[in-house]
Amino acid sequence: MSPMTPPRTGAERYLADRLGDPEYQREYRAARERIDRIDAVVRVLDGRRETMGLTKAELARRAGMKPEAVRRLFSAESPNPTLSTVVALADVLGLEIRPEPRLTPTPSVV
């Protein structure tokens, strides 16, 4: 008996069809990279919070934020915090937010 491939969902078929369009594929990859970069920042903030032994509620209190906002930020599948939120949390966590040039340029997104 051979293993069967599970049926693809409508959303998966739709995405596969759209990714056949080179322009859509470029935009999709750019958006995916942006999301991955945001996720990486959130993971660093949460890791630092854990290292410092702070609860999410305590971090929120120190940053002047609502506890539920910090909980959502660290538990959302695709968080999209404002820069103001990132800076406020970084300040409490003793982290710098510093834009730096990339080693390899990325294509510009129009």
C-alpha atoms as a PDB file:
ATOM      1  CA  MET A   1       0.000   0.000   0.000  1.00  0.00           C
ATOM      2  CA  SER A   2       1.567   3.287  -1.068  1.00  0.00           C
ATOM      3  CA  PRO A   3       1.261   6.426   1.040  1.00  0.00           C
ATOM      4  CA  MET A   4      -1.338   8.787  -0.328  1.00  0.00           C
ATOM      5  CA  THR A   5      -0.794  12.479  -0.715  1.00  0.00           C
ATOM      6  CA  PRO A   6      -3.471  14.379   1.167  1.00  0.00           C
ATOM      7  CA  PRO A   7      -5.796  16.359  -1.100  1.00  0.00           C
ATOM      8  CA  ARG A   8      -4.783  19.968  -1.541  1.00  0.00           C
ATOM      9  CA  THR A   9      -7.110  22.585  -0.189  1.00  0.00           C
ATOM     10  CA  GLY A  10      -8.755  25.180  -2.367  1.00  0.00           C
ATOM     11  CA  ALA A  11      -6.477  27.826  -0.865  1.00  0.00           C
ATOM     12  CA  GLU A  12      -3.371  25.764  -1.692  1.00  0.00           C
ATOM     13  CA  ARG A  13      -4.565  25.243  -5.287  1.00  0.00           C
ATOM     14  CA  TYR A  14      -5.335  28.958  -5.619  1.00  0.00           C
ATOM     15  CA  LEU A  15      -1.894  29.945  -4.321  1.00  0.00           C
ATOM     16  CA  ALA A  16      -0.165  27.439  -6.606  1.00  0.00           C
ATOM     17  CA  ASP A  17      -2.039  28.886  -9.584  1.00  0.00           C
ATOM     18  CA  ARG A  18      -1.208  32.475  -8.625  1.00  0.00           C
ATOM     19  CA  LEU A  19       2.466  31.627  -8.063  1.00  0.00           C
ATOM     20  CA  GLY A  20       2.592  30.636 -11.725  1.00  0.00           C
ATOM     21  CA  ASP A  21       2.475  34.366 -12.527  1.00  0.00           C
ATOM     22  CA  PRO A  22       6.063  35.733 -12.256  1.00  0.00           C
ATOM     23  CA  GLU A  23       4.912  39.180 -11.069  1.00  0.00           C
ATOM     24  CA  TYR A  24       2.692  37.677  -8.367  1.00  0.00           C
ATOM     25  CA  GLN A  25       5.520  35.335  -7.363  1.00  0.00           C
ATOM     26  CA  ARG A  26       7.915  38.292  -6.957  1.00  0.00           C
ATOM     27  CA  GLU A  27       5.425  40.195  -4.806  1.00  0.00           C
ATOM     28  CA  TYR A  28       4.619  37.085  -2.769  1.00  0.00           C
ATOM     29  CA  ARG A  29       8.292  36.443  -2.044  1.00  0.00           C
ATOM     30  CA  ALA A  30       8.852  40.089  -1.069  1.00  0.00           C
ATOM     31  CA  ALA A  31       5.886  39.967   1.325  1.00  0.00           C
ATOM     32  CA  ARG A  32       7.066  36.620   2.752  1.00  0.00           C
ATOM     33  CA  GLU A  33      10.541  38.068   3.377  1.00  0.00           C
ATOM     34  CA  ARG A  34       9.046  41.105   5.114  1.00  0.00           C
ATOM     35  CA  ILE A  35       6.885  38.887   7.337  1.00  0.00           C
ATOM     36  CA  ASP A  36       9.874  36.673   8.173  1.00  0.00           C
ATOM     37  CA  ARG A  37      11.923  39.721   9.167  1.00  0.00           C
ATOM     38  CA  ILE A  38       9.157  41.006  11.438  1.00  0.00           C
ATOM     39  CA  ASP A  39       8.839  37.548  13.009  1.00  0.00           C
ATOM     40  CA  ALA A  40      12.591  37.507  13.657  1.00  0.00           C
ATOM     41  CA  VAL A  41      12.414  40.854  15.495  1.00  0.00           C
ATOM     42  CA  VAL A  42       9.493  39.662  17.620  1.00  0.00           C
ATOM     43  CA  ARG A  43      11.372  36.428  18.466  1.00  0.00           C
ATOM     44  CA  VAL A  44      14.412  38.436  19.604  1.00  0.00           C
ATOM     45  CA  LEU A  45      12.224  40.638  21.810  1.00  0.00           C
ATOM     46  CA  ASP A  46      10.457  37.637  23.328  1.00  0.00           C
ATOM     47  CA  GLY A  47      13.715  35.755  23.838  1.00  0.00           C
ATOM     48  CA  ARG A  48      15.228  38.720  25.644  1.00  0.00           C
ATOM     49  CA  ARG A  49      12.095  39.026  27.780  1.00  0.00           C
ATOM     50  CA  GLU A  50      12.433  35.388  28.805  1.00  0.00           C
ATOM     51  CA  THR A  51      16.175  35.765  29.482  1.00  0.00           C
ATOM     52  CA  MET A  52      15.425  38.704  31.758  1.00  0.00           C
ATOM     53  CA  GLY A  53      12.743  36.693  33.562  1.00  0.00           C
ATOM     54  CA  LEU A  54       9.963  39.152  32.771  1.00  0.00           C
ATOM     55  CA  THR A  55       6.383  38.085  32.320  1.00  0.00           C
ATOM     56  CA  LYS A  56       4.511  39.510  29.378  1.00  0.00           C
ATOM     57  CA  ALA A  57       2.364  41.484  31.818  1.00  0.00           C
ATOM     58  CA  GLU A  58       5.420  42.962  33.536  1.00  0.00           C
ATOM     59  CA  LEU A  59       7.001  43.877  30.203  1.00  0.00           C
ATOM     60  CA  ALA A  60       3.756  45.554  29.177  1.00  0.00           C
ATOM     61  CA  ARG A  61       3.547  47.479  32.446  1.00  0.00           C
ATOM     62  CA  ARG A  62       7.132  48.731  32.120  1.00  0.00           C
ATOM     63  CA  ALA A  63       6.554  49.727  28.482  1.00  0.00           C
ATOM     64  CA  GLY A  64       3.291  51.504  29.299  1.00  0.00           C
ATOM     65  CA  MET A  65       1.273  49.088  27.195  1.00  0.00           C
ATOM     66  CA  LYS A  66      -1.782  46.937  27.786  1.00  0.00           C
ATOM     67  CA  PRO A  67      -0.859  43.372  28.791  1.00  0.00           C
ATOM     68  CA  GLU A  68      -3.167  41.890  26.156  1.00  0.00           C
ATOM     69  CA  ALA A  69      -1.319  43.803  23.421  1.00  0.00           C
ATOM     70  CA  VAL A  70       1.997  42.255  24.451  1.00  0.00           C
ATOM     71  CA  ARG A  71       0.438  38.791  24.794  1.00  0.00           C
ATOM     72  CA  ARG A  72      -1.024  39.084  21.275  1.00  0.00           C
ATOM     73  CA  LEU A  73       2.284  40.287  19.875  1.00  0.00           C
ATOM     74  CA  PHE A  74       4.163  37.263  21.192  1.00  0.00           C
ATOM     75  CA  SER A  75       1.469  34.722  20.375  1.00  0.00           C
ATOM     76  CA  ALA A  76       0.154  35.874  16.990  1.00  0.00           C
ATOM     77  CA  GLU A  77       0.986  33.720  13.991  1.00  0.00           C
ATOM     78  CA  SER A  78       1.956  36.753  11.906  1.00  0.00           C
ATOM     79  CA  PRO A  79       2.512  39.735  14.190  1.00  0.00           C
ATOM     80  CA  ASN A  80       2.815  43.171  12.637  1.00  0.00           C
ATOM     81  CA  PRO A  81       3.844  45.547  15.423  1.00  0.00           C
ATOM     82  CA  THR A  82       4.263  49.263  14.880  1.00  0.00           C
ATOM     83  CA  LEU A  83       7.769  50.670  15.102  1.00  0.00           C
ATOM     84  CA  SER A  84       6.649  52.581  18.179  1.00  0.00           C
ATOM     85  CA  THR A  85       5.749  49.284  19.886  1.00  0.00           C
ATOM     86  CA  VAL A  86       9.052  47.689  18.918  1.00  0.00           C
ATOM     87  CA  VAL A  87      11.032  50.672  20.234  1.00  0.00           C
ATOM     88  CA  ALA A  88       9.061  50.798  23.509  1.00  0.00           C
ATOM     89  CA  LEU A  89       9.660  47.105  24.163  1.00  0.00           C
ATOM     90  CA  ALA A  90      13.307  47.306  23.095  1.00  0.00           C
ATOM     91  CA  ASP A  91      13.878  50.177  25.532  1.00  0.00           C
ATOM     92  CA  VAL A  92      12.548  48.114  28.448  1.00  0.00           C
ATOM     93  CA  LEU A  93      14.590  45.103  27.317  1.00  0.00           C
ATOM     94  CA  GLY A  94      17.810  47.113  26.931  1.00  0.00           C
ATOM     95  CA  LEU A  95      17.990  46.503  23.179  1.00  0.00           C
ATOM     96  CA  GLU A  96      18.907  48.868  20.360  1.00  0.00           C
ATOM     97  CA  ILE A  97      16.887  49.094  17.174  1.00  0.00           C
ATOM     98  CA  ARG A  98      19.394  50.061  14.539  1.00  0.00           C
ATOM     99  CA  PRO A  99      18.851  49.959  10.762  1.00  0.00           C
ATOM    100  CA  GLU A 100      21.991  48.795   9.018  1.00  0.00           C
ATOM    101  CA  PRO A 101      22.871  48.361   5.349  1.00  0.00           C
ATOM    102  CA  ARG A 102      22.429  44.857   4.026  1.00  0.00           C
ATOM    103  CA  LEU A 103      25.437  42.917   2.885  1.00  0.00           C
ATOM    104  CA  THR A 104      23.610  41.880  -0.273  1.00  0.00           C
ATOM    105  CA  PRO A 105      21.166  44.292  -1.842  1.00  0.00           C
ATOM    106  CA  THR A 106      17.610  43.131  -2.333  1.00  0.00           C
ATOM    107  CA  PRO A 107      15.595  43.973  -5.382  1.00  0.00           C
ATOM    108  CA  SER A 108      13.360  46.969  -4.859  1.00  0.00           C
ATOM    109  CA  VAL A 109       9.667  46.330  -4.590  1.00  0.00           C
ATOM    110  CA  VAL A 110       7.616  48.693  -6.711  1.00  0.00           C
END
